[in-house]
Amino acid sequence: MEEWKEYRLGEVVNILDYKRIPLSSAERKTREGGFPYYGAQGIIDYIDDYIFDGTYLLIAEDGENLKSKKQDIAQLAHGKYWVNNHAHIVESNGICDIRYLCYILNNIDLSGYITGSAQPKLNQANLSAISIILPSLNLQEQIADFISMFDNKIELNRRINDNLN
């Protein structure tokens, strides 16, 4: 059996927060377009330009959802899009499969890394310090592929149900 190894998140990803550029709602209204504009919990608008092009992992930086977890706190973003300063943006440095990492972050207890009571926050230092245990990259990819099959089936069933209504 393969050995699983413990890492800090900052050891397995590159954090690209320095590339984020927030736009006010007034600015976004003057820049309406077809590119998704992401915040902490997903797409909040569409604008006329993009900063990122590719697949990256977005992780909520602040908001009550960090504690309640009513929605996933991590999500994959694909294609061309803009990210504001309420979501951390990370890419793999080759040690982890970003899809596997997304599943892990949405299913582990992060309460020890979250600060603030009125406005919960996962700052960059605490994000980097999150402890995770990873198998080999090959096994991570296999696990992510397996879980993705179920996610795709769930999404297909959701669309079928929507069409029945």
N, C-alpha and C. Protein backbone atom coordinates (compact mmCIF):
# COMPACT_ATOMS: atom_id res chain seq x y z
N MET A 1 0.84 -1.19 0.00
CA MET A 1 0.00 0.00 0.00
C MET A 1 0.88 1.25 0.00
N GLU A 2 0.44 2.24 -0.73
CA GLU A 2 1.21 3.48 -0.84
C GLU A 2 1.18 4.26 0.47
N GLU A 3 2.27 4.95 0.71
CA GLU A 3 2.34 5.78 1.91
C GLU A 3 1.68 7.14 1.63
N TRP A 4 0.88 7.58 2.58
CA TRP A 4 0.28 8.90 2.51
C TRP A 4 1.16 9.83 3.32
N LYS A 5 1.28 11.07 2.87
CA LYS A 5 2.20 12.00 3.51
C LYS A 5 1.46 13.27 3.93
N GLU A 6 1.83 13.79 5.10
CA GLU A 6 1.21 15.02 5.59
C GLU A 6 1.95 16.23 5.04
N TYR A 7 1.16 17.21 4.61
CA TYR A 7 1.69 18.47 4.09
C TYR A 7 0.91 19.63 4.69
N ARG A 8 1.48 20.80 4.60
CA ARG A 8 0.75 22.05 4.80
C ARG A 8 0.32 22.48 3.40
N LEU A 9 -0.86 23.09 3.31
CA LEU A 9 -1.38 23.47 2.00
C LEU A 9 -0.38 24.32 1.21
N GLY A 10 0.30 25.22 1.90
CA GLY A 10 1.28 26.08 1.24
C GLY A 10 2.44 25.33 0.60
N GLU A 11 2.61 24.06 0.96
CA GLU A 11 3.68 23.24 0.37
C GLU A 11 3.26 22.60 -0.94
N VAL A 12 1.96 22.54 -1.22
CA VAL A 12 1.48 21.80 -2.40
C VAL A 12 0.78 22.68 -3.43
N VAL A 13 0.63 23.97 -3.13
CA VAL A 13 -0.02 24.89 -4.08
C VAL A 13 0.77 26.19 -4.19
N ASN A 14 0.53 26.88 -5.28
CA ASN A 14 0.98 28.26 -5.44
C ASN A 14 -0.25 29.13 -5.22
N ILE A 15 -0.14 30.08 -4.31
CA ILE A 15 -1.26 30.99 -4.02
C ILE A 15 -1.09 32.23 -4.89
N LEU A 16 -2.13 32.53 -5.67
CA LEU A 16 -2.07 33.61 -6.66
C LEU A 16 -2.91 34.82 -6.27
N ASP A 17 -3.10 35.02 -4.97
CA ASP A 17 -3.95 36.12 -4.50
C ASP A 17 -3.47 37.49 -5.00
N TYR A 18 -2.19 37.65 -5.22
CA TYR A 18 -1.65 38.93 -5.67
C TYR A 18 -2.19 39.35 -7.04
N LYS A 19 -2.79 38.41 -7.77
CA LYS A 19 -3.34 38.73 -9.09
C LYS A 19 -4.81 39.17 -9.05
N ARG A 20 -5.44 39.03 -7.88
CA ARG A 20 -6.86 39.39 -7.77
C ARG A 20 -7.04 40.90 -7.84
N ILE A 21 -8.15 41.31 -8.46
CA ILE A 21 -8.48 42.73 -8.54
C ILE A 21 -9.97 42.89 -8.26
N PRO A 22 -10.32 43.50 -7.12
CA PRO A 22 -11.74 43.69 -6.84
C PRO A 22 -12.33 44.83 -7.67
N LEU A 23 -13.59 44.68 -8.05
CA LEU A 23 -14.33 45.74 -8.74
C LEU A 23 -15.61 45.99 -7.96
N SER A 24 -15.93 47.24 -7.74
CA SER A 24 -17.19 47.57 -7.06
C SER A 24 -18.36 47.21 -7.96
N SER A 25 -19.54 47.12 -7.37
CA SER A 25 -20.72 46.81 -8.19
C SER A 25 -20.96 47.90 -9.23
N ALA A 26 -20.65 49.16 -8.88
CA ALA A 26 -20.79 50.26 -9.84
C ALA A 26 -19.83 50.08 -11.02
N GLU A 27 -18.59 49.68 -10.72
CA GLU A 27 -17.62 49.43 -11.80
C GLU A 27 -18.08 48.27 -12.68
N ARG A 28 -18.60 47.23 -12.05
CA ARG A 28 -19.05 46.06 -12.83
C ARG A 28 -20.21 46.42 -13.75
N LYS A 29 -21.07 47.33 -13.33
CA LYS A 29 -22.20 47.74 -14.17
C LYS A 29 -21.73 48.43 -15.44
N THR A 30 -20.60 49.12 -15.36
CA THR A 30 -20.08 49.79 -16.56
C THR A 30 -19.24 48.85 -17.42
N ARG A 31 -19.03 47.63 -16.92
CA ARG A 31 -18.17 46.67 -17.62
C ARG A 31 -18.90 45.35 -17.87
N GLU A 32 -20.19 45.40 -18.10
CA GLU A 32 -20.95 44.17 -18.32
C GLU A 32 -20.41 43.43 -19.53
N GLY A 33 -20.38 42.11 -19.42
CA GLY A 33 -19.87 41.29 -20.51
C GLY A 33 -20.11 39.82 -20.26
N GLY A 34 -19.32 38.98 -20.89
CA GLY A 34 -19.55 37.55 -20.85
C GLY A 34 -18.60 36.74 -19.98
N PHE A 35 -17.68 37.41 -19.27
CA PHE A 35 -16.72 36.67 -18.45
C PHE A 35 -17.19 36.61 -17.00
N PRO A 36 -17.19 35.43 -16.38
CA PRO A 36 -17.62 35.31 -14.98
C PRO A 36 -16.73 36.13 -14.05
N TYR A 37 -17.37 36.74 -13.05
CA TYR A 37 -16.70 37.50 -12.00
C TYR A 37 -16.98 36.76 -10.70
N TYR A 38 -15.95 36.13 -10.12
CA TYR A 38 -16.11 35.28 -8.94
C TYR A 38 -15.86 36.03 -7.64
N GLY A 39 -16.67 35.69 -6.64
CA GLY A 39 -16.46 36.12 -5.27
C GLY A 39 -16.24 34.90 -4.40
N ALA A 40 -16.46 35.04 -3.10
CA ALA A 40 -16.19 33.96 -2.15
C ALA A 40 -17.03 32.71 -2.42
N GLN A 41 -18.26 32.88 -2.89
CA GLN A 41 -19.16 31.73 -3.05
C GLN A 41 -19.53 31.44 -4.49
N GLY A 42 -18.74 31.92 -5.43
CA GLY A 42 -19.02 31.59 -6.81
C GLY A 42 -19.19 32.83 -7.67
N ILE A 43 -19.84 32.64 -8.80
CA ILE A 43 -20.03 33.72 -9.77
C ILE A 43 -21.05 34.71 -9.21
N ILE A 44 -20.65 35.98 -9.17
CA ILE A 44 -21.57 37.02 -8.68
C ILE A 44 -21.93 38.02 -9.77
N ASP A 45 -21.25 37.94 -10.91
CA ASP A 45 -21.54 38.88 -11.99
C ASP A 45 -20.82 38.40 -13.26
N TYR A 46 -21.06 39.12 -14.34
CA TYR A 46 -20.35 38.88 -15.60
C TYR A 46 -19.82 40.21 -16.10
N ILE A 47 -18.54 40.24 -16.48
CA ILE A 47 -17.92 41.49 -16.92
C ILE A 47 -17.22 41.32 -18.27
N ASP A 48 -16.64 42.41 -18.75
CA ASP A 48 -16.10 42.46 -20.11
C ASP A 48 -14.65 42.02 -20.27
N ASP A 49 -14.02 41.52 -19.21
CA ASP A 49 -12.62 41.15 -19.29
C ASP A 49 -12.33 40.01 -18.32
N TYR A 50 -11.13 39.48 -18.38
CA TYR A 50 -10.74 38.39 -17.48
C TYR A 50 -9.30 38.59 -17.03
N ILE A 51 -8.97 37.99 -15.89
CA ILE A 51 -7.61 38.00 -15.37
C ILE A 51 -6.99 36.61 -15.52
N PHE A 52 -7.81 35.59 -15.30
CA PHE A 52 -7.32 34.21 -15.29
C PHE A 52 -7.84 33.45 -16.50
N ASP A 53 -7.00 32.56 -16.99
CA ASP A 53 -7.37 31.70 -18.12
C ASP A 53 -6.82 30.31 -17.82
N GLY A 54 -7.71 29.41 -17.45
CA GLY A 54 -7.29 28.06 -17.09
C GLY A 54 -8.15 27.51 -15.98
N THR A 55 -7.70 26.41 -15.40
CA THR A 55 -8.42 25.80 -14.29
C THR A 55 -7.64 26.06 -13.00
N TYR A 56 -8.31 26.71 -12.07
CA TYR A 56 -7.72 27.04 -10.77
C TYR A 56 -8.73 26.69 -9.69
N LEU A 57 -8.23 26.58 -8.47
CA LEU A 57 -9.08 26.32 -7.32
C LEU A 57 -9.33 27.63 -6.59
N LEU A 58 -10.60 27.96 -6.40
CA LEU A 58 -10.99 29.15 -5.65
C LEU A 58 -11.46 28.71 -4.28
N ILE A 59 -10.98 29.39 -3.24
CA ILE A 59 -11.31 29.04 -1.86
C ILE A 59 -11.82 30.30 -1.17
N ALA A 60 -13.00 30.21 -0.57
CA ALA A 60 -13.60 31.37 0.09
C ALA A 60 -12.63 31.93 1.13
N GLU A 61 -12.49 33.25 1.13
CA GLU A 61 -11.61 33.91 2.09
C GLU A 61 -12.38 34.42 3.29
N ASP A 62 -13.63 34.81 3.08
CA ASP A 62 -14.40 35.34 4.20
C ASP A 62 -15.88 35.06 4.01
N GLY A 63 -16.63 35.29 5.08
CA GLY A 63 -18.08 35.08 5.03
C GLY A 63 -18.55 33.99 5.97
N GLU A 64 -19.81 34.08 6.36
CA GLU A 64 -20.42 33.14 7.30
C GLU A 64 -20.34 31.70 6.81
N ASN A 65 -20.34 31.50 5.51
CA ASN A 65 -20.31 30.15 4.97
C ASN A 65 -19.06 29.38 5.38
N LEU A 66 -17.99 30.09 5.73
CA LEU A 66 -16.79 29.40 6.21
C LEU A 66 -17.10 28.59 7.47
N LYS A 67 -18.03 29.09 8.27
CA LYS A 67 -18.42 28.37 9.50
C LYS A 67 -19.59 27.43 9.25
N SER A 68 -20.62 27.92 8.57
CA SER A 68 -21.84 27.12 8.39
C SER A 68 -21.67 26.03 7.34
N LYS A 69 -20.82 26.27 6.35
CA LYS A 69 -20.60 25.34 5.23
C LYS A 69 -21.91 24.90 4.57
N LYS A 70 -22.84 25.84 4.43
CA LYS A 70 -24.08 25.54 3.71
C LYS A 70 -23.80 25.33 2.22
N GLN A 71 -22.72 25.91 1.75
CA GLN A 71 -22.24 25.71 0.39
C GLN A 71 -20.78 25.29 0.47
N ASP A 72 -20.27 24.72 -0.61
CA ASP A 72 -18.85 24.38 -0.64
C ASP A 72 -18.02 25.65 -0.49
N ILE A 73 -16.90 25.54 0.21
CA ILE A 73 -16.02 26.70 0.35
C ILE A 73 -14.94 26.72 -0.73
N ALA A 74 -14.77 25.60 -1.41
CA ALA A 74 -13.79 25.51 -2.50
C ALA A 74 -14.50 25.09 -3.78
N GLN A 75 -14.06 25.65 -4.89
CA GLN A 75 -14.65 25.30 -6.18
C GLN A 75 -13.61 25.46 -7.28
N LEU A 76 -13.78 24.67 -8.30
CA LEU A 76 -12.91 24.78 -9.47
C LEU A 76 -13.50 25.80 -10.43
N ALA A 77 -12.66 26.66 -10.96
CA ALA A 77 -13.08 27.61 -11.99
C ALA A 77 -12.31 27.26 -13.26
N HIS A 78 -13.02 27.25 -14.38
CA HIS A 78 -12.44 26.84 -15.66
C HIS A 78 -12.61 27.96 -16.68
N GLY A 79 -11.68 28.06 -17.61
CA GLY A 79 -11.82 29.01 -18.70
C GLY A 79 -11.26 30.38 -18.35
N LYS A 80 -11.94 31.40 -18.86
CA LYS A 80 -11.51 32.79 -18.67
C LYS A 80 -12.47 33.46 -17.69
N TYR A 81 -11.91 34.11 -16.66
CA TYR A 81 -12.74 34.71 -15.61
C TYR A 81 -11.92 35.70 -14.79
N TRP A 82 -12.63 36.43 -13.94
CA TRP A 82 -12.05 37.43 -13.04
C TRP A 82 -12.35 36.96 -11.63
N VAL A 83 -11.43 37.20 -10.68
CA VAL A 83 -11.64 36.81 -9.28
C VAL A 83 -11.43 38.04 -8.41
N ASN A 84 -12.39 38.29 -7.50
CA ASN A 84 -12.23 39.43 -6.59
C ASN A 84 -11.41 39.03 -5.37
N ASN A 85 -11.30 39.95 -4.41
CA ASN A 85 -10.45 39.71 -3.25
C ASN A 85 -11.15 38.95 -2.12
N HIS A 86 -12.27 38.31 -2.38
CA HIS A 86 -12.96 37.51 -1.37
C HIS A 86 -12.76 36.01 -1.58
N ALA A 87 -11.98 35.66 -2.59
CA ALA A 87 -11.68 34.24 -2.84
C ALA A 87 -10.18 34.09 -3.07
N HIS A 88 -9.57 33.17 -2.34
CA HIS A 88 -8.17 32.82 -2.61
C HIS A 88 -8.15 32.06 -3.93
N ILE A 89 -7.09 32.23 -4.69
CA ILE A 89 -6.96 31.47 -5.94
C ILE A 89 -5.63 30.72 -5.89
N VAL A 90 -5.71 29.41 -6.12
CA VAL A 90 -4.51 28.57 -6.03
C VAL A 90 -4.40 27.64 -7.23
N GLU A 91 -3.16 27.24 -7.49
CA GLU A 91 -2.87 26.23 -8.51
C GLU A 91 -1.94 25.20 -7.89
N SER A 92 -1.96 24.02 -8.41
CA SER A 92 -1.07 22.96 -7.92
C SER A 92 0.37 23.28 -8.30
N ASN A 93 1.30 22.91 -7.43
CA ASN A 93 2.71 23.03 -7.77
C ASN A 93 3.27 21.70 -8.25
N GLY A 94 2.38 20.74 -8.53
CA GLY A 94 2.78 19.44 -9.04
C GLY A 94 2.70 18.30 -8.04
N ILE A 95 2.49 18.63 -6.77
CA ILE A 95 2.40 17.61 -5.73
C ILE A 95 0.97 17.11 -5.56
N CYS A 96 0.00 17.97 -5.87
CA CYS A 96 -1.40 17.58 -5.66
C CYS A 96 -2.22 17.75 -6.93
N ASP A 97 -3.29 16.98 -6.99
CA ASP A 97 -4.30 17.14 -8.03
C ASP A 97 -5.30 18.16 -7.51
N ILE A 98 -5.49 19.24 -8.24
CA ILE A 98 -6.33 20.34 -7.76
C ILE A 98 -7.77 19.91 -7.54
N ARG A 99 -8.26 18.94 -8.31
CA ARG A 99 -9.63 18.43 -8.11
C ARG A 99 -9.72 17.67 -6.79
N TYR A 100 -8.73 16.86 -6.52
CA TYR A 100 -8.68 16.11 -5.26
C TYR A 100 -8.64 17.08 -4.08
N LEU A 101 -7.81 18.12 -4.21
CA LEU A 101 -7.70 19.11 -3.15
C LEU A 101 -9.03 19.81 -2.91
N CYS A 102 -9.77 20.08 -3.97
CA CYS A 102 -11.09 20.70 -3.84
C CYS A 102 -12.01 19.82 -2.99
N TYR A 103 -12.04 18.52 -3.28
CA TYR A 103 -12.86 17.60 -2.49
C TYR A 103 -12.42 17.57 -1.03
N ILE A 104 -11.12 17.55 -0.80
CA ILE A 104 -10.59 17.51 0.57
C ILE A 104 -11.02 18.76 1.34
N LEU A 105 -10.80 19.94 0.77
CA LEU A 105 -11.10 21.19 1.48
C LEU A 105 -12.59 21.34 1.78
N ASN A 106 -13.43 20.78 0.94
CA ASN A 106 -14.87 20.87 1.19
C ASN A 106 -15.35 19.85 2.22
N ASN A 107 -14.47 18.96 2.65
CA ASN A 107 -14.91 17.89 3.54
C ASN A 107 -14.08 17.74 4.81
N ILE A 108 -13.21 18.70 5.10
CA ILE A 108 -12.47 18.64 6.36
C ILE A 108 -12.86 19.82 7.24
N ASP A 109 -12.58 19.69 8.52
CA ASP A 109 -12.89 20.74 9.48
C ASP A 109 -11.81 21.82 9.41
N LEU A 110 -12.21 23.01 9.04
CA LEU A 110 -11.27 24.12 8.93
C LEU A 110 -11.44 25.13 10.06
N SER A 111 -12.28 24.81 11.03
CA SER A 111 -12.62 25.78 12.08
C SER A 111 -11.38 26.31 12.81
N GLY A 112 -10.36 25.50 12.98
CA GLY A 112 -9.15 25.94 13.66
C GLY A 112 -8.33 26.95 12.88
N TYR A 113 -8.64 27.13 11.62
CA TYR A 113 -7.89 28.06 10.76
C TYR A 113 -8.67 29.35 10.48
N ILE A 114 -9.91 29.40 10.94
CA ILE A 114 -10.77 30.55 10.66
C ILE A 114 -10.72 31.53 11.82
N THR A 115 -10.53 32.80 11.50
CA THR A 115 -10.49 33.85 12.52
C THR A 115 -11.73 34.73 12.39
N GLY A 116 -11.96 35.57 13.40
CA GLY A 116 -13.08 36.50 13.36
C GLY A 116 -14.37 35.86 13.79
N SER A 117 -15.18 36.61 14.53
CA SER A 117 -16.48 36.08 14.95
C SER A 117 -17.62 36.71 14.17
N ALA A 118 -17.62 38.04 14.05
CA ALA A 118 -18.69 38.70 13.30
C ALA A 118 -18.55 38.42 11.80
N GLN A 119 -17.32 38.45 11.32
CA GLN A 119 -17.04 38.17 9.91
C GLN A 119 -15.93 37.12 9.84
N PRO A 120 -16.31 35.84 9.73
CA PRO A 120 -15.30 34.78 9.66
C PRO A 120 -14.36 34.99 8.47
N LYS A 121 -13.07 34.69 8.70
CA LYS A 121 -12.07 34.91 7.66
C LYS A 121 -11.04 33.78 7.68
N LEU A 122 -10.66 33.35 6.49
CA LEU A 122 -9.57 32.40 6.30
C LEU A 122 -8.44 33.17 5.63
N ASN A 123 -7.54 33.72 6.45
CA ASN A 123 -6.48 34.55 5.86
C ASN A 123 -5.44 33.68 5.16
N GLN A 124 -4.58 34.33 4.40
CA GLN A 124 -3.62 33.59 3.57
C GLN A 124 -2.64 32.77 4.41
N ALA A 125 -2.21 33.31 5.55
CA ALA A 125 -1.28 32.56 6.41
C ALA A 125 -1.94 31.29 6.92
N ASN A 126 -3.18 31.39 7.37
CA ASN A 126 -3.89 30.21 7.86
C ASN A 126 -4.22 29.24 6.73
N LEU A 127 -4.55 29.77 5.56
CA LEU A 127 -4.78 28.91 4.39
C LEU A 127 -3.53 28.07 4.12
N SER A 128 -2.38 28.71 4.12
CA SER A 128 -1.12 28.01 3.85
C SER A 128 -0.80 26.97 4.91
N ALA A 129 -1.30 27.17 6.13
CA ALA A 129 -0.99 26.28 7.25
C ALA A 129 -1.92 25.08 7.35
N ILE A 130 -2.99 25.03 6.55
CA ILE A 130 -3.94 23.91 6.65
C ILE A 130 -3.20 22.59 6.44
N SER A 131 -3.41 21.68 7.37
CA SER A 131 -2.77 20.37 7.32
C SER A 131 -3.62 19.40 6.50
N ILE A 132 -3.00 18.76 5.52
CA ILE A 132 -3.68 17.76 4.69
C ILE A 132 -2.78 16.55 4.54
N ILE A 133 -3.40 15.41 4.34
CA ILE A 133 -2.65 14.18 4.11
C ILE A 133 -2.95 13.73 2.68
N LEU A 134 -1.89 13.50 1.91
CA LEU A 134 -2.05 13.17 0.50
C LEU A 134 -1.40 11.84 0.15
N PRO A 135 -2.09 11.06 -0.70
CA PRO A 135 -1.44 9.88 -1.28
C PRO A 135 -0.60 10.34 -2.48
N SER A 136 -0.10 9.41 -3.24
CA SER A 136 0.66 9.76 -4.45
C SER A 136 -0.23 10.56 -5.41
N LEU A 137 0.39 11.32 -6.28
CA LEU A 137 -0.36 12.10 -7.26
C LEU A 137 -1.23 11.20 -8.12
N ASN A 138 -0.72 10.04 -8.50
CA ASN A 138 -1.49 9.11 -9.32
C ASN A 138 -2.77 8.66 -8.59
N LEU A 139 -2.66 8.34 -7.32
CA LEU A 139 -3.84 7.91 -6.56
C LEU A 139 -4.81 9.07 -6.36
N GLN A 140 -4.29 10.28 -6.14
CA GLN A 140 -5.17 11.45 -6.04
C GLN A 140 -5.99 11.60 -7.31
N GLU A 141 -5.34 11.46 -8.46
CA GLU A 141 -6.04 11.59 -9.74
C GLU A 141 -7.11 10.51 -9.90
N GLN A 142 -6.79 9.28 -9.49
CA GLN A 142 -7.77 8.19 -9.57
C GLN A 142 -8.97 8.46 -8.68
N ILE A 143 -8.72 8.93 -7.46
CA ILE A 143 -9.81 9.23 -6.53
C ILE A 143 -10.66 10.37 -7.08
N ALA A 144 -10.02 11.43 -7.57
CA ALA A 144 -10.76 12.57 -8.13
C ALA A 144 -11.58 12.14 -9.34
N ASP A 145 -11.03 11.29 -10.19
CA ASP A 145 -11.79 10.79 -11.35
C ASP A 145 -13.02 10.02 -10.90
N PHE A 146 -12.86 9.18 -9.89
CA PHE A 146 -13.96 8.36 -9.38
C PHE A 146 -15.07 9.23 -8.79
N ILE A 147 -14.70 10.19 -7.95
CA ILE A 147 -15.70 11.08 -7.35
C ILE A 147 -16.36 11.93 -8.42
N SER A 148 -15.59 12.38 -9.41
CA SER A 148 -16.14 13.20 -10.49
C SER A 148 -17.22 12.48 -11.27
N MET A 149 -17.08 11.16 -11.43
CA MET A 149 -18.12 10.39 -12.12
C MET A 149 -19.46 10.55 -11.41
N PHE A 150 -19.44 10.49 -10.09
CA PHE A 150 -20.68 10.65 -9.32
C PHE A 150 -21.19 12.08 -9.39
N ASP A 151 -20.28 13.05 -9.29
CA ASP A 151 -20.70 14.45 -9.41
C ASP A 151 -21.35 14.71 -10.76
N ASN A 152 -20.78 14.17 -11.82
CA ASN A 152 -21.35 14.35 -13.16
C ASN A 152 -22.73 13.71 -13.26
N LYS A 153 -22.90 12.54 -12.68
CA LYS A 153 -24.20 11.86 -12.68
C LYS A 153 -25.23 12.66 -11.89
N ILE A 154 -24.82 13.18 -10.74
CA ILE A 154 -25.72 14.01 -9.93
C ILE A 154 -26.15 15.24 -10.71
N GLU A 155 -25.21 15.89 -11.37
CA GLU A 155 -25.53 17.08 -12.16
C GLU A 155 -26.46 16.74 -13.32
N LEU A 156 -26.23 15.63 -13.99
CA LEU A 156 -27.11 15.20 -15.07
C LEU A 156 -28.52 14.96 -14.54
N ASN A 157 -28.64 14.27 -13.42
CA ASN A 157 -29.96 14.02 -12.82
C ASN A 157 -30.64 15.32 -12.41
N ARG A 158 -29.87 16.28 -11.91
CA ARG A 158 -30.43 17.58 -11.52
C ARG A 158 -31.01 18.28 -12.76
N ARG A 159 -30.27 18.23 -13.87
CA ARG A 159 -30.76 18.86 -15.11
C ARG A 159 -32.00 18.16 -15.64
N ILE A 160 -32.02 16.84 -15.56
CA ILE A 160 -33.20 16.08 -15.99
C ILE A 160 -34.40 16.47 -15.14
N ASN A 161 -34.21 16.55 -13.83
CA ASN A 161 -35.30 16.95 -12.93
C ASN A 161 -35.79 18.35 -13.23
N ASP A 162 -34.86 19.26 -13.52
CA ASP A 162 -35.25 20.64 -13.86
C ASP A 162 -36.11 20.67 -15.12
N ASN A 163 -35.80 19.81 -16.08
CA ASN A 163 -36.58 19.75 -17.32
C ASN A 163 -37.96 19.16 -17.11
N LEU A 164 -38.12 18.34 -16.07
CA LEU A 164 -39.43 17.74 -15.79
C LEU A 164 -40.39 18.73 -15.15
N ASN A 165 -39.86 19.76 -14.55
CA ASN A 165 -40.71 20.75 -13.85
C ASN A 165 -41.31 21.76 -14.79
